[in-house]
Amino acid sequence: METEETYDINTETYLLLREEPFFGAISRCINKTASGAIPTAGVRINKHTAQFEMIYNPKFFLGLTLPERADVLKHEFWHIINEHVTGRLPAEGMTKMWNIATDLAINSHLPNIPKMACIPGNKPFEKYPKGLSAEQYFEMLKEDEQFQPKDGEGDGGEGQPDSFDDHNGWSESNGDIDNTTNEIAKETLKEAMKKAAEEANRSNNWGSIPSDVRKQIMDKLNPTVDWRKMLRYFIKTSKRCDKSSTVRRINKRFPRIHAGKKVNRIANIAISIDQSGSVSDEMLALFFTELNELANLATFTVIPFDTRVEEKLVYVWKKGKKHVWERVMCGGTDFNAPTKYVNEGDFDGHIVLTDMQAPKPIPSTCSRMWMTDKDNAASPYFKTSEVVITIGK
């Protein structure tokens, strides 16, 4: 018999979502942590990793039926998919009423959500039709007399229900997530949604997702993922963080008792550039244009290669410097050459600009990301589980 101490939702998620390929793929990209600090469940952005995470109370889940558990999972994932966590807000900003509106929109599609939740058609929302957007429900709530503020009250009137899940970790409400982290999380989500949609299409099974909602998801994925933001994401998450004490900074936790911390962020990124003739000049020009901007964040080591790495052509792109793109080699392609060079060096991340037309290389000892154009991304010579970003104008 499961107890609060032994219950682990990670081991149960596959069974709960085995008929939901789209949600199953999204779930794999979200860390899940048990906690008694919240009564039910909630999602948020982890400010340290720029990744989405779900916090859940094992006692709450153990009190639910299996269909209810599955719908609670989907409820939390819908908050992420619909960008409620990353700042999709009305003009009034984050309010209790907006929280309820988002729940009403999500729960329209979840027949097994626990009855304690805000559900269109159920008390006190008997007159609310199912299938509306959060914005539409928000306007209805603002006009609903039973939810109007009373004298001396703030947001929401007496009797306004609470959202059954925890919304405190949403980026716009806690003020603890900077804009860069927020944007990184959003771009990572787009990439995850793209892969999830591909998986659902491949199996011809979108599970319980209605056709109109499916269309909204596909529309959200077009245009494709912003490769510039993904490149910045890779740079940010590859940074090593070295901290040292300094009396020039005030310790926020123990002011004037302990010295503050000075953070020295260093990102040493290897940029391997495929010099084979099949890599277009346009691709090289686009890539160098963005690297000139990214040089404000980090120092790069540029590694031209074809079937080999010519060490005398390798150079360090200093932080804050500008460079003009150029082609310095022209031959075939062997990804093992730059990978071996990077593996033997002291690098935090490895970005490979290429047409993907060569055999799969040996593993990389640091994070590796591939960048190519649309045609080569659609038909690469090899398959990889590493991130592949399509670049273009």
Protein backbone atom coordinates (compact mmCIF):
# COMPACT_ATOMS: atom_id res chain seq x y z
CA MET A 1 0.00 0.00 0.00
CA GLU A 2 1.34 3.39 -1.01
CA THR A 3 2.03 6.00 1.65
CA GLU A 4 2.91 9.67 1.49
CA GLU A 5 6.56 8.71 2.00
CA THR A 6 6.66 6.10 -0.77
CA TYR A 7 4.38 7.70 -3.37
CA ASP A 8 6.30 8.97 -6.40
CA ILE A 9 4.27 10.47 -9.22
CA ASN A 10 7.15 10.04 -11.65
CA THR A 11 6.69 6.27 -11.63
CA GLU A 12 2.94 6.63 -12.16
CA THR A 13 2.92 9.28 -14.87
CA TYR A 14 3.47 6.84 -17.74
CA LEU A 15 0.47 4.74 -16.70
CA LEU A 16 -1.70 7.81 -16.20
CA LEU A 17 -0.83 9.30 -19.60
CA ARG A 18 -0.18 6.24 -21.77
CA GLU A 19 -3.20 7.12 -23.94
CA GLU A 20 -2.10 10.76 -24.16
CA PRO A 21 1.04 10.97 -26.36
CA PHE A 22 1.05 14.77 -26.43
CA PHE A 23 0.78 15.19 -22.67
CA GLY A 24 3.20 12.32 -22.15
CA ALA A 25 5.86 14.08 -24.24
CA ILE A 26 5.27 17.37 -22.41
CA SER A 27 5.48 15.57 -19.06
CA ARG A 28 8.97 14.28 -19.83
CA CYS A 29 10.21 17.88 -20.02
CA ILE A 30 8.83 18.88 -16.60
CA ASN A 31 10.56 18.03 -13.34
CA LYS A 32 8.22 16.83 -10.59
CA THR A 33 8.95 17.26 -6.89
CA ALA A 34 6.95 16.06 -3.88
CA SER A 35 6.30 18.67 -1.19
CA GLY A 36 4.02 19.07 1.81
CA ALA A 37 4.38 22.86 1.56
CA ILE A 38 1.41 23.16 -0.82
CA PRO A 39 -2.00 21.51 -0.27
CA THR A 40 -2.50 20.16 -3.80
CA ALA A 41 -0.21 20.84 -6.78
CA GLY A 42 1.22 23.68 -8.83
CA VAL A 43 3.63 24.56 -11.61
CA ARG A 44 6.28 27.25 -11.84
CA ILE A 45 9.59 28.20 -13.44
CA ASN A 46 12.69 27.23 -11.52
CA LYS A 47 14.69 30.46 -11.49
CA HIS A 48 17.99 28.58 -11.19
CA THR A 49 17.51 26.24 -14.16
CA ALA A 50 15.04 28.24 -16.30
CA GLN A 51 13.02 25.00 -16.55
CA PHE A 52 9.40 24.28 -15.72
CA GLU A 53 8.71 22.17 -12.67
CA MET A 54 5.64 20.73 -10.97
CA ILE A 55 5.32 20.59 -7.19
CA TYR A 56 2.78 18.12 -5.82
CA ASN A 57 1.52 16.98 -2.43
CA PRO A 58 1.57 13.14 -2.21
CA LYS A 59 -1.26 13.14 0.37
CA PHE A 60 -3.50 15.03 -2.06
CA PHE A 61 -2.76 12.65 -4.94
CA LEU A 62 -3.28 9.54 -2.83
CA GLY A 63 -6.80 10.80 -2.06
CA LEU A 64 -7.73 10.90 -5.76
CA THR A 65 -8.92 8.22 -8.16
CA LEU A 66 -6.59 7.35 -11.07
CA PRO A 67 -8.70 9.30 -13.61
CA GLU A 68 -8.66 12.31 -11.27
CA ARG A 69 -4.87 12.08 -10.92
CA ALA A 70 -4.48 12.05 -14.70
CA ASP A 71 -6.68 15.12 -15.10
CA VAL A 72 -4.81 17.00 -12.36
CA LEU A 73 -1.58 16.32 -14.26
CA LYS A 74 -3.13 17.56 -17.49
CA HIS A 75 -4.54 20.60 -15.66
CA GLU A 76 -1.04 21.62 -14.55
CA PHE A 77 0.44 20.97 -18.00
CA TRP A 78 -2.30 23.09 -19.59
CA HIS A 79 -1.24 26.03 -17.41
CA ILE A 80 2.24 25.74 -18.92
CA ILE A 81 1.06 25.12 -22.49
CA ASN A 82 -1.31 28.11 -22.34
CA GLU A 83 1.52 30.35 -21.05
CA HIS A 84 -0.28 31.16 -17.80
CA VAL A 85 2.99 30.52 -15.97
CA THR A 86 5.08 32.74 -18.24
CA GLY A 87 2.99 35.87 -18.07
CA ARG A 88 -0.11 35.68 -20.29
CA LEU A 89 -2.11 38.29 -18.40
CA PRO A 90 -5.03 40.69 -18.85
CA ALA A 91 -4.54 44.44 -18.49
CA GLU A 92 -5.38 44.17 -14.78
CA GLY A 93 -2.37 41.92 -14.20
CA MET A 94 -2.23 38.86 -11.95
CA THR A 95 -5.39 38.63 -9.82
CA LYS A 96 -7.38 35.95 -8.04
CA MET A 97 -10.12 36.42 -10.63
CA TRP A 98 -7.67 35.78 -13.49
CA ASN A 99 -6.48 32.61 -11.74
CA ILE A 100 -10.07 31.35 -11.64
CA ALA A 101 -10.61 32.29 -15.29
CA THR A 102 -7.61 30.21 -16.37
CA ASP A 103 -8.89 27.25 -14.34
CA LEU A 104 -12.36 27.50 -15.90
CA ALA A 105 -10.86 27.47 -19.40
CA ILE A 106 -8.70 24.43 -18.65
CA ASN A 107 -11.29 22.43 -16.73
CA SER A 108 -13.76 22.69 -19.61
CA HIS A 109 -11.75 19.89 -21.23
CA LEU A 110 -11.16 17.72 -18.15
CA PRO A 111 -14.18 15.56 -17.24
CA ASN A 112 -12.40 13.87 -14.33
CA ILE A 113 -10.98 16.93 -12.60
CA PRO A 114 -11.79 16.81 -8.84
CA LYS A 115 -15.14 18.43 -8.04
CA MET A 116 -13.40 20.90 -5.71
CA ALA A 117 -12.04 22.65 -8.81
CA CYS A 118 -13.60 25.59 -10.67
CA ILE A 119 -15.69 23.91 -13.39
CA PRO A 120 -18.07 25.59 -15.88
CA GLY A 121 -21.61 24.36 -15.22
CA ASN A 122 -20.92 23.51 -11.56
CA LYS A 123 -21.64 25.76 -8.56
CA PRO A 124 -21.03 28.65 -8.43
CA PHE A 125 -20.48 28.68 -12.22
CA GLU A 126 -23.80 27.11 -13.29
CA LYS A 127 -24.42 29.75 -15.97
CA TYR A 128 -20.92 29.52 -17.46
CA PRO A 129 -20.73 27.55 -20.74
CA LYS A 130 -17.84 25.19 -21.40
CA GLY A 131 -15.15 25.72 -24.01
CA LEU A 132 -14.43 29.45 -23.65
CA SER A 133 -11.00 31.07 -23.38
CA ALA A 134 -9.54 32.38 -20.12
CA GLU A 135 -10.09 35.93 -21.40
CA GLN A 136 -13.76 35.25 -22.06
CA TYR A 137 -14.28 33.72 -18.63
CA PHE A 138 -12.46 36.67 -17.10
CA GLU A 139 -14.91 39.12 -18.65
CA MET A 140 -17.83 37.03 -17.41
CA LEU A 141 -16.40 36.95 -13.88
CA LYS A 142 -16.02 40.73 -13.87
CA GLU A 143 -19.72 41.11 -14.74
CA ASP A 144 -20.93 38.43 -12.32
CA GLU A 145 -22.55 40.11 -9.30
CA GLN A 146 -21.69 37.26 -6.92
CA PHE A 147 -17.98 37.93 -7.46
CA GLN A 148 -18.00 41.71 -7.15
CA PRO A 149 -15.81 43.17 -4.37
CA LYS A 150 -17.64 44.28 -1.27
CA ASP A 151 -16.76 47.53 0.54
CA GLY A 152 -13.27 47.28 1.98
CA GLU A 153 -12.42 44.13 0.02
CA GLY A 154 -9.79 43.78 -2.60
CA ASP A 155 -9.80 41.39 -5.51
CA GLY A 156 -12.96 39.27 -5.63
CA GLY A 157 -16.14 39.36 -3.59
CA GLU A 158 -17.30 37.31 -0.66
CA GLY A 159 -17.88 33.70 -1.62
CA GLN A 160 -15.45 33.77 -4.56
CA PRO A 161 -13.88 30.29 -4.67
CA ASP A 162 -10.18 29.58 -4.58
CA SER A 163 -8.31 27.84 -7.35
CA PHE A 164 -7.78 24.24 -6.27
CA ASP A 165 -4.12 24.26 -7.34
CA ASP A 166 -1.27 26.56 -6.37
CA HIS A 167 -0.55 29.57 -8.63
CA ASN A 168 2.00 31.34 -6.43
CA GLY A 169 4.99 30.25 -8.51
CA TRP A 170 3.85 31.99 -11.67
CA SER A 171 6.60 34.30 -12.89
CA GLU A 172 4.62 37.51 -13.06
CA SER A 173 3.11 37.06 -9.60
CA ASN A 174 6.14 36.32 -7.47
CA GLY A 175 8.42 38.94 -9.03
CA ASP A 176 11.34 36.55 -8.64
CA ILE A 177 11.84 35.51 -12.27
CA ASP A 178 13.82 37.86 -14.50
CA ASN A 179 12.75 38.45 -18.09
CA THR A 180 15.65 36.48 -19.58
CA THR A 181 14.81 33.38 -17.54
CA ASN A 182 11.16 33.78 -18.46
CA GLU A 183 11.95 33.98 -22.17
CA ILE A 184 14.27 30.97 -21.96
CA ALA A 185 11.52 28.91 -20.36
CA LYS A 186 9.05 29.97 -23.06
CA GLU A 187 11.40 29.02 -25.90
CA THR A 188 12.21 25.71 -24.25
CA LEU A 189 8.48 25.04 -23.99
CA LYS A 190 7.99 25.76 -27.69
CA GLU A 191 10.65 23.21 -28.56
CA ALA A 192 9.04 20.65 -26.22
CA MET A 193 5.59 21.32 -27.70
CA LYS A 194 6.96 20.92 -31.20
CA LYS A 195 8.37 17.49 -30.36
CA ALA A 196 5.17 16.53 -28.52
CA ALA A 197 3.03 17.51 -31.52
CA GLU A 198 5.30 15.53 -33.84
CA GLU A 199 4.94 12.50 -31.57
CA ALA A 200 1.15 12.84 -31.49
CA ASN A 201 0.98 13.24 -35.27
CA ARG A 202 3.30 10.29 -35.82
CA SER A 203 1.08 8.02 -33.73
CA ASN A 204 -2.08 9.66 -35.14
CA ASN A 205 -3.27 9.96 -31.55
CA TRP A 206 -3.83 13.26 -29.75
CA GLY A 207 -5.68 11.58 -26.91
CA SER A 208 -8.37 13.70 -25.27
CA ILE A 209 -7.33 16.99 -26.91
CA PRO A 210 -10.27 18.37 -28.97
CA SER A 211 -9.64 19.19 -32.64
CA ASP A 212 -10.11 22.94 -32.14
CA VAL A 213 -7.59 22.99 -29.30
CA ARG A 214 -5.23 20.86 -31.39
CA LYS A 215 -5.38 23.51 -34.11
CA GLN A 216 -4.57 26.24 -31.58
CA ILE A 217 -1.51 24.26 -30.47
CA MET A 218 -0.29 23.84 -34.05
CA ASP A 219 -0.88 27.53 -34.78
CA LYS A 220 1.18 28.40 -31.71
CA LEU A 221 4.09 26.43 -33.11
CA ASN A 222 4.15 28.54 -36.28
CA PRO A 223 6.40 30.30 -36.88
CA THR A 224 8.97 27.83 -35.69
CA VAL A 225 11.07 28.19 -32.57
CA ASP A 226 13.12 31.41 -32.44
CA TRP A 227 16.61 30.01 -32.98
CA ARG A 228 18.24 33.17 -31.66
CA LYS A 229 16.49 32.80 -28.29
CA MET A 230 17.39 29.11 -28.17
CA LEU A 231 21.01 29.99 -28.84
CA ARG A 232 20.94 32.48 -25.97
CA TYR A 233 19.34 29.78 -23.82
CA PHE A 234 22.22 27.43 -24.59
CA ILE A 235 24.77 30.10 -23.70
CA LYS A 236 23.02 30.98 -20.44
CA THR A 237 22.63 27.40 -19.23
CA SER A 238 26.25 26.56 -20.13
CA LYS A 239 27.65 29.23 -17.84
CA ARG A 240 29.71 28.25 -14.84
CA CYS A 241 29.01 30.38 -11.80
CA ASP A 242 31.91 31.23 -9.48
CA LYS A 243 31.08 33.12 -6.27
CA SER A 244 33.41 35.02 -4.01
CA SER A 245 32.85 37.16 -0.92
CA THR A 246 33.11 40.94 -1.15
CA VAL A 247 32.48 43.70 1.38
CA ARG A 248 31.34 45.95 -1.45
CA ARG A 249 28.06 44.05 -1.69
CA ILE A 250 25.46 43.95 1.09
CA ASN A 251 24.37 40.47 2.10
CA LYS A 252 20.56 40.53 1.55
CA ARG A 253 19.95 37.81 4.10
CA PHE A 254 22.37 39.01 6.81
CA PRO A 255 22.99 42.72 6.08
CA ARG A 256 26.11 44.16 7.70
CA ILE A 257 26.77 40.84 9.43
CA HIS A 258 28.21 38.78 6.59
CA ALA A 259 29.90 39.95 3.41
CA GLY A 260 27.91 39.85 0.19
CA LYS A 261 28.64 37.58 -2.74
CA LYS A 262 30.17 38.61 -6.04
CA VAL A 263 29.11 36.38 -8.93
CA ASN A 264 31.62 35.84 -11.73
CA ARG A 265 29.89 34.14 -14.63
CA ILE A 266 32.17 32.55 -17.19
CA ALA A 267 30.95 30.74 -20.29
CA ASN A 268 33.60 29.16 -22.52
CA ILE A 269 31.73 28.00 -25.60
CA ALA A 270 33.19 26.12 -28.56
CA ILE A 271 31.74 27.12 -31.93
CA SER A 272 32.56 24.48 -34.54
CA ILE A 273 31.82 25.73 -38.05
CA ASP A 274 31.45 23.21 -40.86
CA GLN A 275 33.50 24.49 -43.79
CA SER A 276 32.34 21.94 -46.36
CA GLY A 277 31.09 23.32 -49.67
CA SER A 278 27.51 22.19 -49.00
CA VAL A 279 27.19 24.68 -46.11
CA SER A 280 25.80 27.83 -47.68
CA ASP A 281 27.29 31.29 -47.39
CA GLU A 282 23.88 32.54 -46.24
CA MET A 283 23.91 30.15 -43.28
CA LEU A 284 27.40 31.26 -42.30
CA ALA A 285 26.45 34.94 -42.57
CA LEU A 286 23.32 34.51 -40.42
CA PHE A 287 25.25 32.62 -37.79
CA PHE A 288 28.06 35.18 -37.56
CA THR A 289 25.53 38.01 -37.32
CA GLU A 290 24.03 36.46 -34.21
CA LEU A 291 27.41 35.54 -32.74
CA ASN A 292 28.36 39.21 -32.88
CA GLU A 293 25.41 39.86 -30.56
CA LEU A 294 26.10 36.86 -28.34
CA ALA A 295 29.69 37.96 -27.89
CA ASN A 296 28.24 40.44 -25.38
CA LEU A 297 27.47 37.43 -23.15
CA ALA A 298 30.46 35.15 -23.49
CA THR A 299 33.84 34.36 -24.99
CA PHE A 300 33.84 31.81 -27.82
CA THR A 301 36.45 29.60 -29.33
CA VAL A 302 35.78 29.35 -33.05
CA ILE A 303 36.79 26.01 -34.58
CA PRO A 304 36.66 25.79 -38.40
CA PHE A 305 36.60 22.18 -39.62
CA ASP A 306 35.92 19.88 -42.55
CA THR A 307 37.39 16.38 -42.20
CA ARG A 308 39.92 17.79 -39.74
CA VAL A 309 40.55 20.71 -37.41
CA GLU A 310 43.34 22.99 -38.55
CA GLU A 311 44.59 24.31 -35.21
CA LYS A 312 46.26 27.39 -36.67
CA LEU A 313 42.81 28.55 -37.85
CA VAL A 314 41.22 28.20 -34.41
CA TYR A 315 40.78 31.53 -32.66
CA VAL A 316 39.20 33.01 -29.53
CA TRP A 317 36.29 35.37 -30.11
CA LYS A 318 36.71 37.74 -27.18
CA LYS A 319 33.68 38.97 -25.29
CA GLY A 320 32.46 42.27 -26.73
CA LYS A 321 34.39 41.95 -30.02
CA LYS A 322 32.97 41.89 -33.56
CA HIS A 323 34.00 39.63 -36.43
CA VAL A 324 33.16 39.41 -40.13
CA TRP A 325 32.18 35.97 -41.41
CA GLU A 326 34.54 34.14 -43.74
CA ARG A 327 35.13 30.68 -45.22
CA VAL A 328 38.65 29.41 -44.51
CA MET A 329 38.43 25.71 -45.46
CA CYS A 330 36.60 23.62 -48.04
CA GLY A 331 36.39 19.84 -47.95
CA GLY A 332 34.27 16.98 -46.70
CA THR A 333 32.73 16.64 -43.21
CA ASP A 334 33.78 14.61 -40.17
CA PHE A 335 32.08 15.57 -36.89
CA ASN A 336 34.54 13.48 -34.88
CA ALA A 337 37.28 16.00 -35.63
CA PRO A 338 35.77 19.01 -33.79
CA THR A 339 34.25 16.78 -31.10
CA LYS A 340 37.66 15.32 -30.21
CA TYR A 341 39.15 18.82 -30.17
CA VAL A 342 36.44 20.09 -27.80
CA ASN A 343 36.55 16.98 -25.60
CA GLU A 344 40.26 17.58 -25.03
CA GLY A 345 39.69 21.23 -24.10
CA ASP A 346 38.04 23.01 -21.17
CA PHE A 347 34.67 23.99 -22.63
CA ASP A 348 31.21 24.47 -21.10
CA GLY A 349 29.23 23.96 -24.30
CA HIS A 350 29.69 23.01 -27.95
CA ILE A 351 27.65 24.48 -30.82
CA VAL A 352 28.05 22.97 -34.29
CA LEU A 353 26.95 24.89 -37.38
CA THR A 354 26.58 22.34 -40.17
CA ASP A 355 24.42 20.82 -42.89
CA MET A 356 24.17 17.59 -40.82
CA GLN A 357 25.41 15.56 -43.81
CA ALA A 358 27.96 13.23 -42.19
CA PRO A 359 27.88 10.18 -39.89
CA LYS A 360 26.95 10.54 -36.23
CA PRO A 361 29.98 11.58 -34.15
CA ILE A 362 31.38 10.28 -30.89
CA PRO A 363 29.74 11.56 -27.66
CA SER A 364 30.58 15.04 -26.39
CA THR A 365 31.85 15.59 -22.85
CA CYS A 366 29.96 18.89 -22.61
CA SER A 367 26.52 20.00 -23.78
CA ARG A 368 26.32 19.96 -27.58
CA MET A 369 23.81 21.69 -29.82
CA TRP A 370 23.43 21.49 -33.60
CA MET A 371 22.39 24.35 -35.87
CA THR A 372 21.40 23.92 -39.50
CA ASP A 373 18.92 25.16 -42.09
CA LYS A 374 15.35 23.98 -42.59
CA ASP A 375 16.00 21.47 -45.38
CA ASN A 376 18.89 19.73 -43.62
CA ALA A 377 17.03 19.68 -40.30
CA ALA A 378 14.19 17.83 -42.04
CA SER A 379 16.48 15.18 -43.54
CA PRO A 380 19.72 14.86 -41.52
CA TYR A 381 22.24 12.10 -42.25
CA PHE A 382 21.95 10.89 -38.66
CA LYS A 383 19.43 11.03 -35.81
CA THR A 384 20.29 12.57 -32.47
CA SER A 385 18.58 13.25 -29.16
CA GLU A 386 20.62 16.44 -28.79
CA VAL A 387 19.01 19.79 -29.58
CA VAL A 388 18.88 20.64 -33.28
CA ILE A 389 17.94 24.22 -34.09
CA THR A 390 16.82 25.44 -37.50
CA ILE A 391 18.23 28.82 -38.44
CA GLY A 392 16.93 31.23 -41.06
CA LYS A 393 16.12 34.85 -41.69
